[in-house]
């Protein structure tokens, strides 16, 4: 459905305003679709993101500062998310032997097993992104990178 129909607005000040509103609306729409996919697994997108980072580093531990650096949502509180994942026994935390001020985070086997079960949620499956051809996805990636280029 077109953005005009979704938000019931027929006119925009410019194509730039329309693109900006469309991007914001689509971002929220994708987050809701992702939320629905993750709900049966008891995870949020930031929790899933941290688990994926930890799986990529496995079997090496990761510091919370590295998690913050690599997270998709820079506004998320990584320490609080790690607390929740630890309560679910999906990660462990230990004081770094080389630097007592640093905490090492490691994904557990339970966390690895959950991610393997959730692998079908990656790549936009179930979110509408798969409606694009591979060439369209490549073009979209280029355009999104271009939007962020001056930042």
C-alpha atoms as a PDB file:
ATOM      1  CA  UNK A   1       0.000   0.000   0.000  1.00  0.00           C
ATOM      2  CA  UNK A   2       1.279   3.472  -0.837  1.00  0.00           C
ATOM      3  CA  UNK A   3       2.323   5.833   1.956  1.00  0.00           C
ATOM      4  CA  UNK A   4      -0.489   8.225   0.991  1.00  0.00           C
ATOM      5  CA  UNK A   5      -3.035   5.494   1.701  1.00  0.00           C
ATOM      6  CA  UNK A   6      -1.283   4.261   4.859  1.00  0.00           C
ATOM      7  CA  UNK A   7      -1.247   7.646   6.602  1.00  0.00           C
ATOM      8  CA  UNK A   8      -4.238   9.139   4.775  1.00  0.00           C
ATOM      9  CA  UNK A   9      -2.299  12.131   3.425  1.00  0.00           C
ATOM     10  CA  UNK A  10      -2.537  12.986  -0.246  1.00  0.00           C
ATOM     11  CA  UNK A  11      -0.081  15.876  -0.540  1.00  0.00           C
ATOM     12  CA  UNK A  12       3.470  16.406   0.685  1.00  0.00           C
ATOM     13  CA  UNK A  13       5.624  19.544   0.599  1.00  0.00           C
ATOM     14  CA  UNK A  14       8.150  17.749  -1.590  1.00  0.00           C
ATOM     15  CA  UNK A  15       9.322  14.319  -2.692  1.00  0.00           C
ATOM     16  CA  UNK A  16      12.062  14.625  -0.044  1.00  0.00           C
ATOM     17  CA  UNK A  17       9.477  15.077   2.714  1.00  0.00           C
ATOM     18  CA  UNK A  18       7.472  12.175   1.320  1.00  0.00           C
ATOM     19  CA  UNK A  19      10.584   9.962   1.203  1.00  0.00           C
ATOM     20  CA  UNK A  20      11.510  10.917   4.772  1.00  0.00           C
ATOM     21  CA  UNK A  21       8.010  10.193   6.105  1.00  0.00           C
ATOM     22  CA  UNK A  22       7.874   6.969   4.090  1.00  0.00           C
ATOM     23  CA  UNK A  23      11.230   5.877   5.544  1.00  0.00           C
ATOM     24  CA  UNK A  24      10.124   6.624   9.127  1.00  0.00           C
ATOM     25  CA  UNK A  25       6.790   4.885   8.639  1.00  0.00           C
ATOM     26  CA  UNK A  26       8.442   1.849   7.041  1.00  0.00           C
ATOM     27  CA  UNK A  27      11.008   1.655   9.840  1.00  0.00           C
ATOM     28  CA  UNK A  28       8.237   1.465  12.429  1.00  0.00           C
ATOM     29  CA  UNK A  29       6.337  -1.031  10.307  1.00  0.00           C
ATOM     30  CA  UNK A  30       9.421  -3.273  10.020  1.00  0.00           C
ATOM     31  CA  UNK A  31      10.011  -3.091  13.776  1.00  0.00           C
ATOM     32  CA  UNK A  32       6.438  -4.207  14.457  1.00  0.00           C
ATOM     33  CA  UNK A  33       6.778  -7.082  11.976  1.00  0.00           C
ATOM     34  CA  UNK A  34      10.061  -8.112  13.625  1.00  0.00           C
ATOM     35  CA  UNK A  35       8.440  -7.889  17.079  1.00  0.00           C
ATOM     36  CA  UNK A  36       5.730 -10.316  15.964  1.00  0.00           C
ATOM     37  CA  UNK A  37       8.353 -12.756  14.664  1.00  0.00           C
ATOM     38  CA  UNK A  38      10.424 -12.634  17.860  1.00  0.00           C
ATOM     39  CA  UNK A  39       7.562 -12.736  20.369  1.00  0.00           C
ATOM     40  CA  UNK A  40       7.199 -16.555  20.358  1.00  0.00           C
ATOM     41  CA  UNK A  41      10.910 -16.802  21.231  1.00  0.00           C
ATOM     42  CA  UNK A  42      10.635 -14.331  24.120  1.00  0.00           C
ATOM     43  CA  UNK A  43      13.216 -11.944  22.653  1.00  0.00           C
ATOM     44  CA  UNK A  44      13.292  -8.332  21.559  1.00  0.00           C
ATOM     45  CA  UNK A  45      15.207  -7.092  18.523  1.00  0.00           C
ATOM     46  CA  UNK A  46      18.031  -5.613  20.678  1.00  0.00           C
ATOM     47  CA  UNK A  47      18.336  -8.910  22.597  1.00  0.00           C
ATOM     48  CA  UNK A  48      18.472 -10.823  19.312  1.00  0.00           C
ATOM     49  CA  UNK A  49      21.067  -8.367  18.004  1.00  0.00           C
ATOM     50  CA  UNK A  50      23.325  -8.918  21.031  1.00  0.00           C
ATOM     51  CA  UNK A  51      22.995 -12.691  20.743  1.00  0.00           C
ATOM     52  CA  UNK A  52      23.961 -12.508  17.062  1.00  0.00           C
ATOM     53  CA  UNK A  53      27.039 -10.419  17.888  1.00  0.00           C
ATOM     54  CA  UNK A  54      28.037 -12.909  20.581  1.00  0.00           C
ATOM     55  CA  UNK A  55      27.512 -15.860  18.238  1.00  0.00           C
ATOM     56  CA  UNK A  56      29.746 -14.176  15.662  1.00  0.00           C
ATOM     57  CA  UNK A  57      32.519 -13.824  18.249  1.00  0.00           C
ATOM     58  CA  UNK A  58      31.998 -17.272  19.791  1.00  0.00           C
ATOM     59  CA  UNK A  59      33.931 -18.872  21.493  1.00  0.00           C
ATOM     60  CA  UNK A  60      35.715 -15.617  22.399  1.00  0.00           C
ATOM     61  CA  UNK A  61      34.078 -13.416  25.050  1.00  0.00           C
ATOM     62  CA  UNK A  62      32.997  -9.867  24.235  1.00  0.00           C
ATOM     63  CA  UNK A  63      32.994  -6.716  26.344  1.00  0.00           C
ATOM     64  CA  UNK A  64      29.857  -4.639  26.823  1.00  0.00           C
ATOM     65  CA  UNK A  65      31.602  -1.716  25.118  1.00  0.00           C
ATOM     66  CA  UNK A  66      32.135  -3.836  21.985  1.00  0.00           C
ATOM     67  CA  UNK A  67      28.445  -4.811  22.053  1.00  0.00           C
ATOM     68  CA  UNK A  68      27.450  -1.135  22.232  1.00  0.00           C
ATOM     69  CA  UNK A  69      29.758  -0.329  19.316  1.00  0.00           C
ATOM     70  CA  UNK A  70      28.293  -3.056  17.103  1.00  0.00           C
ATOM     71  CA  UNK A  71      24.585  -2.862  18.025  1.00  0.00           C
ATOM     72  CA  UNK A  72      22.078  -1.780  15.396  1.00  0.00           C
ATOM     73  CA  UNK A  73      20.126   0.403  17.840  1.00  0.00           C
ATOM     74  CA  UNK A  74      22.631   2.784  19.392  1.00  0.00           C
ATOM     75  CA  UNK A  75      20.030   3.996  21.923  1.00  0.00           C
ATOM     76  CA  UNK A  76      19.670   0.566  23.541  1.00  0.00           C
ATOM     77  CA  UNK A  77      21.086  -0.007  27.024  1.00  0.00           C
ATOM     78  CA  UNK A  78      23.430  -2.934  26.377  1.00  0.00           C
ATOM     79  CA  UNK A  79      24.162  -3.594  30.061  1.00  0.00           C
ATOM     80  CA  UNK A  80      20.462  -3.890  30.871  1.00  0.00           C
ATOM     81  CA  UNK A  81      19.902  -6.148  27.857  1.00  0.00           C
ATOM     82  CA  UNK A  82      22.780  -8.398  28.935  1.00  0.00           C
ATOM     83  CA  UNK A  83      21.173  -8.573  32.416  1.00  0.00           C
ATOM     84  CA  UNK A  84      17.937  -9.833  30.854  1.00  0.00           C
ATOM     85  CA  UNK A  85      19.744 -12.337  28.622  1.00  0.00           C
ATOM     86  CA  UNK A  86      21.707 -13.609  31.618  1.00  0.00           C
ATOM     87  CA  UNK A  87      18.458 -14.089  33.575  1.00  0.00           C
ATOM     88  CA  UNK A  88      17.223 -16.226  30.648  1.00  0.00           C
ATOM     89  CA  UNK A  89      20.501 -18.201  30.784  1.00  0.00           C
ATOM     90  CA  UNK A  90      21.330 -17.210  27.209  1.00  0.00           C
ATOM     91  CA  UNK A  91      24.605 -15.483  28.158  1.00  0.00           C
ATOM     92  CA  UNK A  92      27.121 -15.550  30.985  1.00  0.00           C
ATOM     93  CA  UNK A  93      29.119 -12.688  32.433  1.00  0.00           C
ATOM     94  CA  UNK A  94      32.522 -12.905  34.072  1.00  0.00           C
ATOM     95  CA  UNK A  95      35.031 -10.357  35.241  1.00  0.00           C
ATOM     96  CA  UNK A  96      37.901 -10.109  32.764  1.00  0.00           C
ATOM     97  CA  UNK A  97      41.047 -11.663  34.284  1.00  0.00           C
ATOM     98  CA  UNK A  98      43.296  -9.058  32.600  1.00  0.00           C
ATOM     99  CA  UNK A  99      41.254  -5.956  33.534  1.00  0.00           C
ATOM    100  CA  UNK A 100      39.056  -6.093  36.619  1.00  0.00           C
ATOM    101  CA  UNK A 101      37.013  -3.090  35.400  1.00  0.00           C
ATOM    102  CA  UNK A 102      35.917  -5.007  32.295  1.00  0.00           C
ATOM    103  CA  UNK A 103      33.211  -7.651  32.113  1.00  0.00           C
ATOM    104  CA  UNK A 104      33.366 -10.419  29.518  1.00  0.00           C
ATOM    105  CA  UNK A 105      30.071 -11.635  28.027  1.00  0.00           C
ATOM    106  CA  UNK A 106      29.782 -15.046  26.404  1.00  0.00           C
ATOM    107  CA  UNK A 107      26.835 -16.741  24.700  1.00  0.00           C
ATOM    108  CA  UNK A 108      25.736 -20.037  26.293  1.00  0.00           C
ATOM    109  CA  UNK A 109      24.828 -23.226  24.467  1.00  0.00           C
ATOM    110  CA  UNK A 110      21.188 -22.425  25.230  1.00  0.00           C
ATOM    111  CA  UNK A 111      21.675 -19.060  23.491  1.00  0.00           C
ATOM    112  CA  UNK A 112      23.324 -20.708  20.478  1.00  0.00           C
ATOM    113  CA  UNK A 113      20.490 -23.246  20.245  1.00  0.00           C
ATOM    114  CA  UNK A 114      17.867 -20.478  20.376  1.00  0.00           C
ATOM    115  CA  UNK A 115      19.605 -18.517  17.620  1.00  0.00           C
ATOM    116  CA  UNK A 116      19.779 -21.608  15.440  1.00  0.00           C
ATOM    117  CA  UNK A 117      16.036 -22.022  15.911  1.00  0.00           C
ATOM    118  CA  UNK A 118      15.530 -18.332  15.046  1.00  0.00           C
ATOM    119  CA  UNK A 119      17.752 -18.271  11.950  1.00  0.00           C
ATOM    120  CA  UNK A 120      14.638 -18.287   9.763  1.00  0.00           C
ATOM    121  CA  UNK A 121      13.808 -14.807  11.173  1.00  0.00           C
ATOM    122  CA  UNK A 122      16.916 -13.242   9.640  1.00  0.00           C
ATOM    123  CA  UNK A 123      17.227 -11.572   6.296  1.00  0.00           C
ATOM    124  CA  UNK A 124      13.852  -9.894   6.336  1.00  0.00           C
ATOM    125  CA  UNK A 125      11.847 -13.106   6.171  1.00  0.00           C
ATOM    126  CA  UNK A 126       8.312 -12.317   7.267  1.00  0.00           C
ATOM    127  CA  UNK A 127       8.861  -8.551   7.137  1.00  0.00           C
ATOM    128  CA  UNK A 128       8.153  -7.661   3.525  1.00  0.00           C
ATOM    129  CA  UNK A 129      11.799  -7.192   2.554  1.00  0.00           C
ATOM    130  CA  UNK A 130      11.591 -10.469   0.645  1.00  0.00           C
ATOM    131  CA  UNK A 131       9.059  -8.753  -1.662  1.00  0.00           C
ATOM    132  CA  UNK A 132      12.069  -7.105  -3.311  1.00  0.00           C
ATOM    133  CA  UNK A 133      14.165  -8.748  -5.971  1.00  0.00           C
ATOM    134  CA  UNK A 134      17.845  -9.179  -5.151  1.00  0.00           C
ATOM    135  CA  UNK A 135      18.642  -6.318  -7.531  1.00  0.00           C
ATOM    136  CA  UNK A 136      16.052  -4.076  -5.813  1.00  0.00           C
ATOM    137  CA  UNK A 137      17.485  -4.987  -2.403  1.00  0.00           C
ATOM    138  CA  UNK A 138      20.957  -4.066  -3.665  1.00  0.00           C
ATOM    139  CA  UNK A 139      19.625  -0.740  -4.981  1.00  0.00           C
ATOM    140  CA  UNK A 140      17.854  -0.052  -1.669  1.00  0.00           C
ATOM    141  CA  UNK A 141      21.058  -0.817   0.249  1.00  0.00           C
ATOM    142  CA  UNK A 142      22.931   1.684  -1.917  1.00  0.00           C
ATOM    143  CA  UNK A 143      20.300   4.373  -1.392  1.00  0.00           C
ATOM    144  CA  UNK A 144      20.207   3.853   2.385  1.00  0.00           C
ATOM    145  CA  UNK A 145      24.002   4.026   2.529  1.00  0.00           C
ATOM    146  CA  UNK A 146      23.855   7.246   0.501  1.00  0.00           C
ATOM    147  CA  UNK A 147      21.374   8.792   2.958  1.00  0.00           C
ATOM    148  CA  UNK A 148      23.830   8.146   5.829  1.00  0.00           C
ATOM    149  CA  UNK A 149      26.928   9.167   3.821  1.00  0.00           C
ATOM    150  CA  UNK A 150      27.324  12.684   5.272  1.00  0.00           C
ATOM    151  CA  UNK A 151      26.938  11.593   8.863  1.00  0.00           C
END
